[in-house]
Amino acid sequence: MATFSERLRELRTQYDYSQQDLADKMGATKQMISQYERGVRKPDLDTLTALCDIFNVSSDYLMGKSDVTVRLLNTEDLKRLNSSQNAPATIAAHFEGDDFTDEEWREIERFKMFIKSKRE
């Protein structure tokens, strides 16, 4: 599995952020982001939480403990989709890794019901 530094660099480039862009979003320095990406420094809990929020991923994924890449769309993702000429009519989640357990399927169903309940 990937390391934190690899995941951070991968996500930053997927979002088309420079190290300075990411630092600005976090209220950090470019040097700090560089140290994270080189594996010289590990994030504290507040920084990890901020990064997870920015990239809309779990801490397990960001820290390289899981390869599950299921993410919820955040406001920036929706803006990006809506501005696209080829905006999809359907949005789907993609799962990479082992098959879901029975408990994970139940959790997915609970989440689906939660999302539907927000319509009312």
PDB file of N, CA and C in Angstrom:
ATOM      1  N   MET A   1       0.840  -1.187   0.000  1.00  0.00           N
ATOM      2  CA  MET A   1       0.000   0.000   0.000  1.00  0.00           C
ATOM      3  C   MET A   1       0.881   1.244   0.000  1.00  0.00           C
ATOM      4  N   ALA A   2       0.275   2.308  -0.385  1.00  0.00           N
ATOM      5  CA  ALA A   2       0.991   3.572  -0.478  1.00  0.00           C
ATOM      6  C   ALA A   2       1.293   4.139   0.909  1.00  0.00           C
ATOM      7  N   THR A   3       2.251   5.025   0.964  1.00  0.00           N
ATOM      8  CA  THR A   3       2.577   5.723   2.206  1.00  0.00           C
ATOM      9  C   THR A   3       1.821   7.053   2.249  1.00  0.00           C
ATOM     10  N   PHE A   4       1.824   7.680   3.418  1.00  0.00           N
ATOM     11  CA  PHE A   4       1.192   8.995   3.559  1.00  0.00           C
ATOM     12  C   PHE A   4       1.767   9.979   2.550  1.00  0.00           C
ATOM     13  N   SER A   5       3.091  10.023   2.433  1.00  0.00           N
ATOM     14  CA  SER A   5       3.717  10.989   1.525  1.00  0.00           C
ATOM     15  C   SER A   5       3.292  10.753   0.078  1.00  0.00           C
ATOM     16  N   GLU A   6       3.200   9.488  -0.328  1.00  0.00           N
ATOM     17  CA  GLU A   6       2.763   9.175  -1.697  1.00  0.00           C
ATOM     18  C   GLU A   6       1.302   9.573  -1.908  1.00  0.00           C
ATOM     19  N   ARG A   7       0.459   9.259  -0.934  1.00  0.00           N
ATOM     20  CA  ARG A   7      -0.962   9.593  -1.060  1.00  0.00           C
ATOM     21  C   ARG A   7      -1.169  11.102  -1.111  1.00  0.00           C
ATOM     22  N   LEU A   8      -0.446  11.828  -0.270  1.00  0.00           N
ATOM     23  CA  LEU A   8      -0.595  13.279  -0.256  1.00  0.00           C
ATOM     24  C   LEU A   8      -0.206  13.869  -1.607  1.00  0.00           C
ATOM     25  N   ARG A   9       0.918  13.461  -2.142  1.00  0.00           N
ATOM     26  CA  ARG A   9       1.376  13.969  -3.446  1.00  0.00           C
ATOM     27  C   ARG A   9       0.368  13.599  -4.541  1.00  0.00           C
ATOM     28  N   GLU A  10      -0.120  12.354  -4.500  1.00  0.00           N
ATOM     29  CA  GLU A  10      -1.094  11.883  -5.490  1.00  0.00           C
ATOM     30  C   GLU A  10      -2.376  12.724  -5.444  1.00  0.00           C
ATOM     31  N   LEU A  11      -2.908  12.942  -4.254  1.00  0.00           N
ATOM     32  CA  LEU A  11      -4.138  13.718  -4.119  1.00  0.00           C
ATOM     33  C   LEU A  11      -3.921  15.176  -4.516  1.00  0.00           C
ATOM     34  N   ARG A  12      -2.796  15.732  -4.095  1.00  0.00           N
ATOM     35  CA  ARG A  12      -2.519  17.134  -4.431  1.00  0.00           C
ATOM     36  C   ARG A  12      -2.466  17.326  -5.946  1.00  0.00           C
ATOM     37  N   THR A  13      -1.826  16.404  -6.632  1.00  0.00           N
ATOM     38  CA  THR A  13      -1.735  16.539  -8.092  1.00  0.00           C
ATOM     39  C   THR A  13      -3.073  16.245  -8.769  1.00  0.00           C
ATOM     40  N   GLN A  14      -3.866  15.318  -8.202  1.00  0.00           N
ATOM     41  CA  GLN A  14      -5.200  15.050  -8.757  1.00  0.00           C
ATOM     42  C   GLN A  14      -6.072  16.302  -8.692  1.00  0.00           C
ATOM     43  N   TYR A  15      -5.934  17.053  -7.620  1.00  0.00           N
ATOM     44  CA  TYR A  15      -6.713  18.275  -7.451  1.00  0.00           C
ATOM     45  C   TYR A  15      -6.055  19.468  -8.157  1.00  0.00           C
ATOM     46  N   ASP A  16      -4.923  19.225  -8.782  1.00  0.00           N
ATOM     47  CA  ASP A  16      -4.193  20.256  -9.516  1.00  0.00           C
ATOM     48  C   ASP A  16      -3.768  21.410  -8.605  1.00  0.00           C
ATOM     49  N   TYR A  17      -3.353  21.060  -7.380  1.00  0.00           N
ATOM     50  CA  TYR A  17      -2.838  22.050  -6.437  1.00  0.00           C
ATOM     51  C   TYR A  17      -1.321  22.014  -6.465  1.00  0.00           C
ATOM     52  N   SER A  18      -0.712  23.169  -6.431  1.00  0.00           N
ATOM     53  CA  SER A  18       0.724  23.223  -6.190  1.00  0.00           C
ATOM     54  C   SER A  18       0.926  23.038  -4.690  1.00  0.00           C
ATOM     55  N   GLN A  19       2.171  22.836  -4.284  1.00  0.00           N
ATOM     56  CA  GLN A  19       2.426  22.742  -2.851  1.00  0.00           C
ATOM     57  C   GLN A  19       2.011  24.047  -2.158  1.00  0.00           C
ATOM     58  N   GLN A  20       2.244  25.174  -2.818  1.00  0.00           N
ATOM     59  CA  GLN A  20       1.864  26.467  -2.245  1.00  0.00           C
ATOM     60  C   GLN A  20       0.344  26.591  -2.143  1.00  0.00           C
ATOM     61  N   ASP A  21      -0.390  26.134  -3.172  1.00  0.00           N
ATOM     62  CA  ASP A  21      -1.856  26.164  -3.125  1.00  0.00           C
ATOM     63  C   ASP A  21      -2.370  25.400  -1.910  1.00  0.00           C
ATOM     64  N   LEU A  22      -1.836  24.191  -1.704  1.00  0.00           N
ATOM     65  CA  LEU A  22      -2.280  23.374  -0.585  1.00  0.00           C
ATOM     66  C   LEU A  22      -1.907  24.035   0.743  1.00  0.00           C
ATOM     67  N   ALA A  23      -0.715  24.561   0.818  1.00  0.00           N
ATOM     68  CA  ALA A  23      -0.286  25.242   2.040  1.00  0.00           C
ATOM     69  C   ALA A  23      -1.216  26.412   2.356  1.00  0.00           C
ATOM     70  N   ASP A  24      -1.586  27.180   1.334  1.00  0.00           N
ATOM     71  CA  ASP A  24      -2.486  28.319   1.536  1.00  0.00           C
ATOM     72  C   ASP A  24      -3.842  27.855   2.055  1.00  0.00           C
ATOM     73  N   LYS A  25      -4.357  26.761   1.504  1.00  0.00           N
ATOM     74  CA  LYS A  25      -5.653  26.231   1.944  1.00  0.00           C
ATOM     75  C   LYS A  25      -5.613  25.793   3.407  1.00  0.00           C
ATOM     76  N   MET A  26      -4.449  25.348   3.854  1.00  0.00           N
ATOM     77  CA  MET A  26      -4.315  24.826   5.210  1.00  0.00           C
ATOM     78  C   MET A  26      -3.809  25.862   6.199  1.00  0.00           C
ATOM     79  N   GLY A  27      -3.358  26.995   5.718  1.00  0.00           N
ATOM     80  CA  GLY A  27      -2.727  27.959   6.617  1.00  0.00           C
ATOM     81  C   GLY A  27      -1.362  27.458   7.066  1.00  0.00           C
ATOM     82  N   ALA A  28      -0.685  26.762   6.161  1.00  0.00           N
ATOM     83  CA  ALA A  28       0.632  26.188   6.456  1.00  0.00           C
ATOM     84  C   ALA A  28       1.660  26.805   5.502  1.00  0.00           C
ATOM     85  N   THR A  29       2.843  26.229   5.488  1.00  0.00           N
ATOM     86  CA  THR A  29       3.884  26.697   4.579  1.00  0.00           C
ATOM     87  C   THR A  29       4.141  25.661   3.489  1.00  0.00           C
ATOM     88  N   LYS A  30       4.681  26.134   2.392  1.00  0.00           N
ATOM     89  CA  LYS A  30       5.052  25.241   1.292  1.00  0.00           C
ATOM     90  C   LYS A  30       6.106  24.232   1.774  1.00  0.00           C
ATOM     91  N   GLN A  31       7.012  24.689   2.636  1.00  0.00           N
ATOM     92  CA  GLN A  31       8.058  23.812   3.149  1.00  0.00           C
ATOM     93  C   GLN A  31       7.444  22.646   3.940  1.00  0.00           C
ATOM     94  N   MET A  32       6.377  22.922   4.692  1.00  0.00           N
ATOM     95  CA  MET A  32       5.727  21.863   5.466  1.00  0.00           C
ATOM     96  C   MET A  32       5.146  20.807   4.530  1.00  0.00           C
ATOM     97  N   ILE A  33       4.481  21.256   3.467  1.00  0.00           N
ATOM     98  CA  ILE A  33       3.909  20.318   2.496  1.00  0.00           C
ATOM     99  C   ILE A  33       5.018  19.499   1.849  1.00  0.00           C
ATOM    100  N   SER A  34       6.104  20.157   1.503  1.00  0.00           N
ATOM    101  CA  SER A  34       7.251  19.471   0.904  1.00  0.00           C
ATOM    102  C   SER A  34       7.801  18.415   1.860  1.00  0.00           C
ATOM    103  N   GLN A  35       7.904  18.748   3.142  1.00  0.00           N
ATOM    104  CA  GLN A  35       8.408  17.782   4.121  1.00  0.00           C
ATOM    105  C   GLN A  35       7.465  16.585   4.249  1.00  0.00           C
ATOM    106  N   TYR A  36       6.160  16.820   4.210  1.00  0.00           N
ATOM    107  CA  TYR A  36       5.195  15.723   4.249  1.00  0.00           C
ATOM    108  C   TYR A  36       5.376  14.824   3.028  1.00  0.00           C
ATOM    109  N   GLU A  37       5.513  15.437   1.863  1.00  0.00           N
ATOM    110  CA  GLU A  37       5.614  14.651   0.621  1.00  0.00           C
ATOM    111  C   GLU A  37       6.939  13.905   0.503  1.00  0.00           C
ATOM    112  N   ARG A  38       7.968  14.395   1.165  1.00  0.00           N
ATOM    113  CA  ARG A  38       9.268  13.705   1.145  1.00  0.00           C
ATOM    114  C   ARG A  38       9.381  12.688   2.270  1.00  0.00           C
ATOM    115  N   GLY A  39       8.367  12.630   3.145  1.00  0.00           N
ATOM    116  CA  GLY A  39       8.395  11.684   4.244  1.00  0.00           C
ATOM    117  C   GLY A  39       9.275  12.108   5.396  1.00  0.00           C
ATOM    118  N   VAL A  40       9.695  13.376   5.407  1.00  0.00           N
ATOM    119  CA  VAL A  40      10.547  13.896   6.464  1.00  0.00           C
ATOM    120  C   VAL A  40       9.735  14.196   7.724  1.00  0.00           C
ATOM    121  N   ARG A  41       8.466  14.510   7.530  1.00  0.00           N
ATOM    122  CA  ARG A  41       7.605  14.929   8.625  1.00  0.00           C
ATOM    123  C   ARG A  41       6.253  14.233   8.505  1.00  0.00           C
ATOM    124  N   LYS A  42       5.641  13.912   9.639  1.00  0.00           N
ATOM    125  CA  LYS A  42       4.291  13.328   9.689  1.00  0.00           C
ATOM    126  C   LYS A  42       3.338  14.387  10.235  1.00  0.00           C
ATOM    127  N   PRO A  43       2.082  14.361   9.785  1.00  0.00           N
ATOM    128  CA  PRO A  43       1.136  15.374  10.252  1.00  0.00           C
ATOM    129  C   PRO A  43       0.631  15.092  11.669  1.00  0.00           C
ATOM    130  N   ASP A  44       0.305  16.164  12.393  1.00  0.00           N
ATOM    131  CA  ASP A  44      -0.380  15.980  13.667  1.00  0.00           C
ATOM    132  C   ASP A  44      -1.858  15.745  13.365  1.00  0.00           C
ATOM    133  N   LEU A  45      -2.639  15.486  14.391  1.00  0.00           N
ATOM    134  CA  LEU A  45      -4.050  15.135  14.199  1.00  0.00           C
ATOM    135  C   LEU A  45      -4.839  16.253  13.523  1.00  0.00           C
ATOM    136  N   ASP A  46      -4.627  17.501  13.929  1.00  0.00           N
ATOM    137  CA  ASP A  46      -5.353  18.623  13.314  1.00  0.00           C
ATOM    138  C   ASP A  46      -5.011  18.773  11.839  1.00  0.00           C
ATOM    139  N   THR A  47      -3.740  18.593  11.521  1.00  0.00           N
ATOM    140  CA  THR A  47      -3.308  18.699  10.116  1.00  0.00           C
ATOM    141  C   THR A  47      -3.877  17.552   9.298  1.00  0.00           C
ATOM    142  N   LEU A  48      -3.849  16.351   9.858  1.00  0.00           N
ATOM    143  CA  LEU A  48      -4.409  15.190   9.163  1.00  0.00           C
ATOM    144  C   LEU A  48      -5.892  15.406   8.887  1.00  0.00           C
ATOM    145  N   THR A  49      -6.614  15.912   9.866  1.00  0.00           N
ATOM    146  CA  THR A  49      -8.044  16.172   9.709  1.00  0.00           C
ATOM    147  C   THR A  49      -8.281  17.208   8.613  1.00  0.00           C
ATOM    148  N   ALA A  50      -7.474  18.264   8.606  1.00  0.00           N
ATOM    149  CA  ALA A  50      -7.609  19.307   7.582  1.00  0.00           C
ATOM    150  C   ALA A  50      -7.356  18.739   6.185  1.00  0.00           C
ATOM    151  N   LEU A  51      -6.343  17.913   6.054  1.00  0.00           N
ATOM    152  CA  LEU A  51      -6.044  17.303   4.758  1.00  0.00           C
ATOM    153  C   LEU A  51      -7.176  16.379   4.303  1.00  0.00           C
ATOM    154  N   CYS A  52      -7.719  15.604   5.228  1.00  0.00           N
ATOM    155  CA  CYS A  52      -8.839  14.718   4.889  1.00  0.00           C
ATOM    156  C   CYS A  52     -10.038  15.538   4.423  1.00  0.00           C
ATOM    157  N   ASP A  53     -10.293  16.657   5.074  1.00  0.00           N
ATOM    158  CA  ASP A  53     -11.399  17.528   4.666  1.00  0.00           C
ATOM    159  C   ASP A  53     -11.153  18.144   3.298  1.00  0.00           C
ATOM    160  N   ILE A  54      -9.950  18.597   3.055  1.00  0.00           N
ATOM    161  CA  ILE A  54      -9.620  19.225   1.768  1.00  0.00           C
ATOM    162  C   ILE A  54      -9.794  18.233   0.621  1.00  0.00           C
ATOM    163  N   PHE A  55      -9.304  17.011   0.818  1.00  0.00           N
ATOM    164  CA  PHE A  55      -9.341  16.016  -0.252  1.00  0.00           C
ATOM    165  C   PHE A  55     -10.537  15.076  -0.164  1.00  0.00           C
ATOM    166  N   ASN A  56     -11.330  15.241   0.895  1.00  0.00           N
ATOM    167  CA  ASN A  56     -12.546  14.451   1.066  1.00  0.00           C
ATOM    168  C   ASN A  56     -12.264  12.946   1.043  1.00  0.00           C
ATOM    169  N   VAL A  57     -11.286  12.550   1.848  1.00  0.00           N
ATOM    170  CA  VAL A  57     -10.921  11.144   1.978  1.00  0.00           C
ATOM    171  C   VAL A  57     -10.830  10.791   3.456  1.00  0.00           C
ATOM    172  N   SER A  58     -10.810   9.507   3.755  1.00  0.00           N
ATOM    173  CA  SER A  58     -10.658   9.067   5.141  1.00  0.00           C
ATOM    174  C   SER A  58      -9.191   9.164   5.555  1.00  0.00           C
ATOM    175  N   SER A  59      -8.978   9.226   6.855  1.00  0.00           N
ATOM    176  CA  SER A  59      -7.601   9.249   7.359  1.00  0.00           C
ATOM    177  C   SER A  59      -6.902   7.923   7.052  1.00  0.00           C
ATOM    178  N   ASP A  60      -7.637   6.813   7.086  1.00  0.00           N
ATOM    179  CA  ASP A  60      -7.027   5.524   6.741  1.00  0.00           C
ATOM    180  C   ASP A  60      -6.495   5.538   5.312  1.00  0.00           C
ATOM    181  N   TYR A  61      -7.264   6.112   4.395  1.00  0.00           N
ATOM    182  CA  TYR A  61      -6.797   6.183   3.007  1.00  0.00           C
ATOM    183  C   TYR A  61      -5.569   7.085   2.911  1.00  0.00           C
ATOM    184  N   LEU A  62      -5.652   8.268   3.512  1.00  0.00           N
ATOM    185  CA  LEU A  62      -4.550   9.219   3.414  1.00  0.00           C
ATOM    186  C   LEU A  62      -3.278   8.679   4.053  1.00  0.00           C
ATOM    187  N   MET A  63      -3.416   7.944   5.153  1.00  0.00           N
ATOM    188  CA  MET A  63      -2.242   7.401   5.835  1.00  0.00           C
ATOM    189  C   MET A  63      -1.728   6.110   5.188  1.00  0.00           C
ATOM    190  N   GLY A  64      -2.407   5.623   4.163  1.00  0.00           N
ATOM    191  CA  GLY A  64      -1.950   4.427   3.471  1.00  0.00           C
ATOM    192  C   GLY A  64      -2.348   3.132   4.143  1.00  0.00           C
ATOM    193  N   LYS A  65      -3.306   3.187   5.076  1.00  0.00           N
ATOM    194  CA  LYS A  65      -3.757   1.974   5.763  1.00  0.00           C
ATOM    195  C   LYS A  65      -4.856   1.262   4.991  1.00  0.00           C
ATOM    196  N   SER A  66      -5.433   1.940   4.008  1.00  0.00           N
ATOM    197  CA  SER A  66      -6.522   1.373   3.215  1.00  0.00           C
ATOM    198  C   SER A  66      -6.384   1.841   1.778  1.00  0.00           C
ATOM    199  N   ASP A  67      -6.776   0.974   0.863  1.00  0.00           N
ATOM    200  CA  ASP A  67      -6.786   1.360  -0.548  1.00  0.00           C
ATOM    201  C   ASP A  67      -8.182   1.708  -1.022  1.00  0.00           C
ATOM    202  N   VAL A  68      -9.134   1.776  -0.105  1.00  0.00           N
ATOM    203  CA  VAL A  68     -10.507   2.111  -0.469  1.00  0.00           C
ATOM    204  C   VAL A  68     -10.554   3.584  -0.848  1.00  0.00           C
ATOM    205  N   THR A  69     -10.999   3.840  -2.075  1.00  0.00           N
ATOM    206  CA  THR A  69     -10.989   5.214  -2.576  1.00  0.00           C
ATOM    207  C   THR A  69     -12.389   5.794  -2.727  1.00  0.00           C
ATOM    208  N   VAL A  70     -13.376   5.231  -2.049  1.00  0.00           N
ATOM    209  CA  VAL A  70     -14.734   5.763  -2.119  1.00  0.00           C
ATOM    210  C   VAL A  70     -14.738   7.125  -1.437  1.00  0.00           C
ATOM    211  N   ARG A  71     -15.205   8.133  -2.151  1.00  0.00           N
ATOM    212  CA  ARG A  71     -15.263   9.481  -1.588  1.00  0.00           C
ATOM    213  C   ARG A  71     -16.623  10.090  -1.858  1.00  0.00           C
ATOM    214  N   LEU A  72     -17.052  10.930  -0.952  1.00  0.00           N
ATOM    215  CA  LEU A  72     -18.252  11.710  -1.187  1.00  0.00           C
ATOM    216  C   LEU A  72     -17.861  12.936  -1.986  1.00  0.00           C
ATOM    217  N   LEU A  73     -18.770  13.399  -2.817  1.00  0.00           N
ATOM    218  CA  LEU A  73     -18.484  14.612  -3.555  1.00  0.00           C
ATOM    219  C   LEU A  73     -18.651  15.804  -2.628  1.00  0.00           C
ATOM    220  N   ASN A  74     -17.665  16.680  -2.636  1.00  0.00           N
ATOM    221  CA  ASN A  74     -17.784  17.903  -1.864  1.00  0.00           C
ATOM    222  C   ASN A  74     -18.177  19.045  -2.798  1.00  0.00           C
ATOM    223  N   THR A  75     -18.299  20.235  -2.278  1.00  0.00           N
ATOM    224  CA  THR A  75     -18.752  21.386  -3.060  1.00  0.00           C
ATOM    225  C   THR A  75     -17.844  21.650  -4.252  1.00  0.00           C
ATOM    226  N   GLU A  76     -16.526  21.563  -4.040  1.00  0.00           N
ATOM    227  CA  GLU A  76     -15.602  21.802  -5.153  1.00  0.00           C
ATOM    228  C   GLU A  76     -15.763  20.756  -6.246  1.00  0.00           C
ATOM    229  N   ASP A  77     -15.956  19.494  -5.848  1.00  0.00           N
ATOM    230  CA  ASP A  77     -16.163  18.428  -6.839  1.00  0.00           C
ATOM    231  C   ASP A  77     -17.418  18.714  -7.667  1.00  0.00           C
ATOM    232  N   LEU A  78     -18.494  19.107  -6.993  1.00  0.00           N
ATOM    233  CA  LEU A  78     -19.747  19.390  -7.694  1.00  0.00           C
ATOM    234  C   LEU A  78     -19.597  20.570  -8.639  1.00  0.00           C
ATOM    235  N   LYS A  79     -18.894  21.603  -8.221  1.00  0.00           N
ATOM    236  CA  LYS A  79     -18.652  22.752  -9.100  1.00  0.00           C
ATOM    237  C   LYS A  79     -17.878  22.316 -10.339  1.00  0.00           C
ATOM    238  N   ARG A  80     -16.858  21.478 -10.109  1.00  0.00           N
ATOM    239  CA  ARG A  80     -16.046  20.988 -11.223  1.00  0.00           C
ATOM    240  C   ARG A  80     -16.906  20.168 -12.189  1.00  0.00           C
ATOM    241  N   LEU A  81     -17.774  19.316 -11.648  1.00  0.00           N
ATOM    242  CA  LEU A  81     -18.656  18.509 -12.494  1.00  0.00           C
ATOM    243  C   LEU A  81     -19.646  19.381 -13.262  1.00  0.00           C
ATOM    244  N   ASN A  82     -20.236  20.335 -12.572  1.00  0.00           N
ATOM    245  CA  ASN A  82     -21.237  21.190 -13.208  1.00  0.00           C
ATOM    246  C   ASN A  82     -20.649  22.091 -14.279  1.00  0.00           C
ATOM    247  N   SER A  83     -19.375  22.440 -14.147  1.00  0.00           N
ATOM    248  CA  SER A  83     -18.764  23.315 -15.140  1.00  0.00           C
ATOM    249  C   SER A  83     -18.268  22.543 -16.363  1.00  0.00           C
ATOM    250  N   SER A  84     -18.254  21.230 -16.250  1.00  0.00           N
ATOM    251  CA  SER A  84     -17.783  20.392 -17.343  1.00  0.00           C
ATOM    252  C   SER A  84     -18.823  20.317 -18.460  1.00  0.00           C
ATOM    253  N   GLN A  85     -18.352  20.341 -19.696  1.00  0.00           N
ATOM    254  CA  GLN A  85     -19.235  20.184 -20.853  1.00  0.00           C
ATOM    255  C   GLN A  85     -19.875  18.801 -20.862  1.00  0.00           C
ATOM    256  N   ASN A  86     -19.146  17.833 -20.338  1.00  0.00           N
ATOM    257  CA  ASN A  86     -19.615  16.442 -20.356  1.00  0.00           C
ATOM    258  C   ASN A  86     -20.022  15.974 -18.967  1.00  0.00           C
ATOM    259  N   ALA A  87     -20.740  16.818 -18.244  1.00  0.00           N
ATOM    260  CA  ALA A  87     -21.141  16.459 -16.882  1.00  0.00           C
ATOM    261  C   ALA A  87     -21.979  15.186 -16.907  1.00  0.00           C
ATOM    262  N   PRO A  88     -21.660  14.221 -16.045  1.00  0.00           N
ATOM    263  CA  PRO A  88     -22.401  12.958 -16.064  1.00  0.00           C
ATOM    264  C   PRO A  88     -23.807  13.120 -15.492  1.00  0.00           C
ATOM    265  N   ALA A  89     -24.712  12.307 -15.975  1.00  0.00           N
ATOM    266  CA  ALA A  89     -26.072  12.301 -15.445  1.00  0.00           C
ATOM    267  C   ALA A  89     -26.136  11.446 -14.186  1.00  0.00           C
ATOM    268  N   THR A  90     -25.180  10.544 -14.031  1.00  0.00           N
ATOM    269  CA  THR A  90     -25.138   9.650 -12.888  1.00  0.00           C
ATOM    270  C   THR A  90     -23.771   9.742 -12.236  1.00  0.00           C
ATOM    271  N   ILE A  91     -23.748   9.744 -10.920  1.00  0.00           N
ATOM    272  CA  ILE A  91     -22.488   9.744 -10.190  1.00  0.00           C
ATOM    273  C   ILE A  91     -22.422   8.431  -9.432  1.00  0.00           C
ATOM    274  N   ALA A  92     -21.308   7.715  -9.575  1.00  0.00           N
ATOM    275  CA  ALA A  92     -21.170   6.414  -8.933  1.00  0.00           C
ATOM    276  C   ALA A  92     -19.910   6.398  -8.085  1.00  0.00           C
ATOM    277  N   ALA A  93     -19.900   5.541  -7.088  1.00  0.00           N
ATOM    278  CA  ALA A  93     -18.720   5.340  -6.261  1.00  0.00           C
ATOM    279  C   ALA A  93     -17.919   4.189  -6.839  1.00  0.00           C
ATOM    280  N   HIS A  94     -16.618   4.267  -6.708  1.00  0.00           N
ATOM    281  CA  HIS A  94     -15.735   3.222  -7.201  1.00  0.00           C
ATOM    282  C   HIS A  94     -15.010   2.624  -6.006  1.00  0.00           C
ATOM    283  N   PHE A  95     -14.934   1.316  -5.952  1.00  0.00           N
ATOM    284  CA  PHE A  95     -14.281   0.616  -4.847  1.00  0.00           C
ATOM    285  C   PHE A  95     -13.114  -0.177  -5.390  1.00  0.00           C
ATOM    286  N   GLU A  96     -11.950   0.021  -4.767  1.00  0.00           N
ATOM    287  CA  GLU A  96     -10.777  -0.778  -5.115  1.00  0.00           C
ATOM    288  C   GLU A  96     -10.347  -1.522  -3.866  1.00  0.00           C
ATOM    289  N   GLY A  97     -10.181  -2.785  -3.957  1.00  0.00           N
ATOM    290  CA  GLY A  97      -9.737  -3.556  -2.807  1.00  0.00           C
ATOM    291  C   GLY A  97     -10.517  -4.840  -2.675  1.00  0.00           C
ATOM    292  N   ASP A  98     -10.534  -5.390  -1.466  1.00  0.00           N
ATOM    293  CA  ASP A  98     -11.237  -6.636  -1.198  1.00  0.00           C
ATOM    294  C   ASP A  98     -12.742  -6.427  -1.319  1.00  0.00           C
ATOM    295  N   ASP A  99     -13.470  -7.536  -1.439  1.00  0.00           N
ATOM    296  CA  ASP A  99     -14.924  -7.472  -1.468  1.00  0.00           C
ATOM    297  C   ASP A  99     -15.432  -6.886  -0.161  1.00  0.00           C
ATOM    298  N   PHE A 100     -16.614  -6.258  -0.213  1.00  0.00           N
ATOM    299  CA  PHE A 100     -17.226  -5.715   0.995  1.00  0.00           C
ATOM    300  C   PHE A 100     -17.673  -6.859   1.899  1.00  0.00           C
ATOM    301  N   THR A 101     -17.550  -6.645   3.202  1.00  0.00           N
ATOM    302  CA  THR A 101     -18.088  -7.598   4.167  1.00  0.00           C
ATOM    303  C   THR A 101     -19.586  -7.338   4.302  1.00  0.00           C
ATOM    304  N   ASP A 102     -20.299  -8.257   4.967  1.00  0.00           N
ATOM    305  CA  ASP A 102     -21.730  -8.059   5.201  1.00  0.00           C
ATOM    306  C   ASP A 102     -21.976  -6.780   5.992  1.00  0.00           C
ATOM    307  N   GLU A 103     -21.145  -6.521   6.989  1.00  0.00           N
ATOM    308  CA  GLU A 103     -21.307  -5.303   7.795  1.00  0.00           C
ATOM    309  C   GLU A 103     -21.079  -4.049   6.944  1.00  0.00           C
ATOM    310  N   GLU A 104     -20.114  -4.096   6.047  1.00  0.00           N
ATOM    311  CA  GLU A 104     -19.867  -2.939   5.170  1.00  0.00           C
ATOM    312  C   GLU A 104     -21.065  -2.697   4.251  1.00  0.00           C
ATOM    313  N   TRP A 105     -21.670  -3.768   3.740  1.00  0.00           N
ATOM    314  CA  TRP A 105     -22.867  -3.596   2.906  1.00  0.00           C
ATOM    315  C   TRP A 105     -23.996  -2.968   3.712  1.00  0.00           C
ATOM    316  N   ARG A 106     -24.156  -3.394   4.976  1.00  0.00           N
ATOM    317  CA  ARG A 106     -25.196  -2.788   5.835  1.00  0.00           C
ATOM    318  C   ARG A 106     -24.900  -1.307   6.055  1.00  0.00           C
ATOM    319  N   GLU A 107     -23.629  -0.970   6.234  1.00  0.00           N
ATOM    320  CA  GLU A 107     -23.246   0.434   6.424  1.00  0.00           C
ATOM    321  C   GLU A 107     -23.533   1.248   5.159  1.00  0.00           C
ATOM    322  N   ILE A 108     -23.279   0.675   4.006  1.00  0.00           N
ATOM    323  CA  ILE A 108     -23.592   1.348   2.738  1.00  0.00           C
ATOM    324  C   ILE A 108     -25.092   1.604   2.632  1.00  0.00           C
ATOM    325  N   GLU A 109     -25.888   0.614   2.986  1.00  0.00           N
ATOM    326  CA  GLU A 109     -27.348   0.780   2.959  1.00  0.00           C
ATOM    327  C   GLU A 109     -27.800   1.861   3.937  1.00  0.00           C
ATOM    328  N   ARG A 110     -27.201   1.890   5.136  1.00  0.00           N
ATOM    329  CA  ARG A 110     -27.550   2.933   6.115  1.00  0.00           C
ATOM    330  C   ARG A 110     -27.189   4.312   5.571  1.00  0.00           C
ATOM    331  N   PHE A 111     -26.042   4.403   4.927  1.00  0.00           N
ATOM    332  CA  PHE A 111     -25.627   5.685   4.368  1.00  0.00           C
ATOM    333  C   PHE A 111     -26.570   6.110   3.245  1.00  0.00           C
ATOM    334  N   LYS A 112     -26.960   5.166   2.419  1.00  0.00           N
ATOM    335  CA  LYS A 112     -27.905   5.460   1.338  1.00  0.00           C
ATOM    336  C   LYS A 112     -29.210   6.018   1.910  1.00  0.00           C
ATOM    337  N   MET A 113     -29.698   5.406   2.973  1.00  0.00           N
ATOM    338  CA  MET A 113     -30.930   5.879   3.604  1.00  0.00           C
ATOM    339  C   MET A 113     -30.731   7.268   4.213  1.00  0.00           C
ATOM    340  N   PHE A 114     -29.559   7.513   4.784  1.00  0.00           N
ATOM    341  CA  PHE A 114     -29.254   8.823   5.340  1.00  0.00           C
ATOM    342  C   PHE A 114     -29.304   9.891   4.248  1.00  0.00           C
ATOM    343  N   ILE A 115     -28.675   9.621   3.123  1.00  0.00           N
ATOM    344  CA  ILE A 115     -28.675  10.585   2.014  1.00  0.00           C
ATOM    345  C   ILE A 115     -30.108  10.842   1.541  1.00  0.00           C
ATOM    346  N   LYS A 116     -30.888   9.801   1.399  1.00  0.00           N
ATOM    347  CA  LYS A 116     -32.282   9.973   0.974  1.00  0.00           C
ATOM    348  C   LYS A 116     -33.083  10.790   1.996  1.00  0.00           C
ATOM    349  N   SER A 117     -32.782  10.593   3.282  1.00  0.00           N
ATOM    350  CA  SER A 117     -33.538  11.311   4.317  1.00  0.00           C
ATOM    351  C   SER A 117     -33.264  12.812   4.284  1.00  0.00           C
ATOM    352  N   LYS A 118     -32.140  13.217   3.722  1.00  0.00           N
ATOM    353  CA  LYS A 118     -31.801  14.644   3.655  1.00  0.00           C
ATOM    354  C   LYS A 118     -32.658  15.377   2.622  1.00  0.00           C
ATOM    355  N   ARG A 119     -33.339  14.634   1.742  1.00  0.00           N
ATOM    356  CA  ARG A 119     -34.199  15.247   0.738  1.00  0.00           C
ATOM    357  C   ARG A 119     -35.425  15.889   1.382  1.00  0.00           C
ATOM    358  N   GLU A 120     -35.856  15.334   2.492  1.00  0.00           N
ATOM    359  CA  GLU A 120     -37.107  15.782   3.118  1.00  0.00           C
ATOM    360  C   GLU A 120     -36.909  16.982   3.996  1.00  0.00           C
TER     361      GLU A 120
END
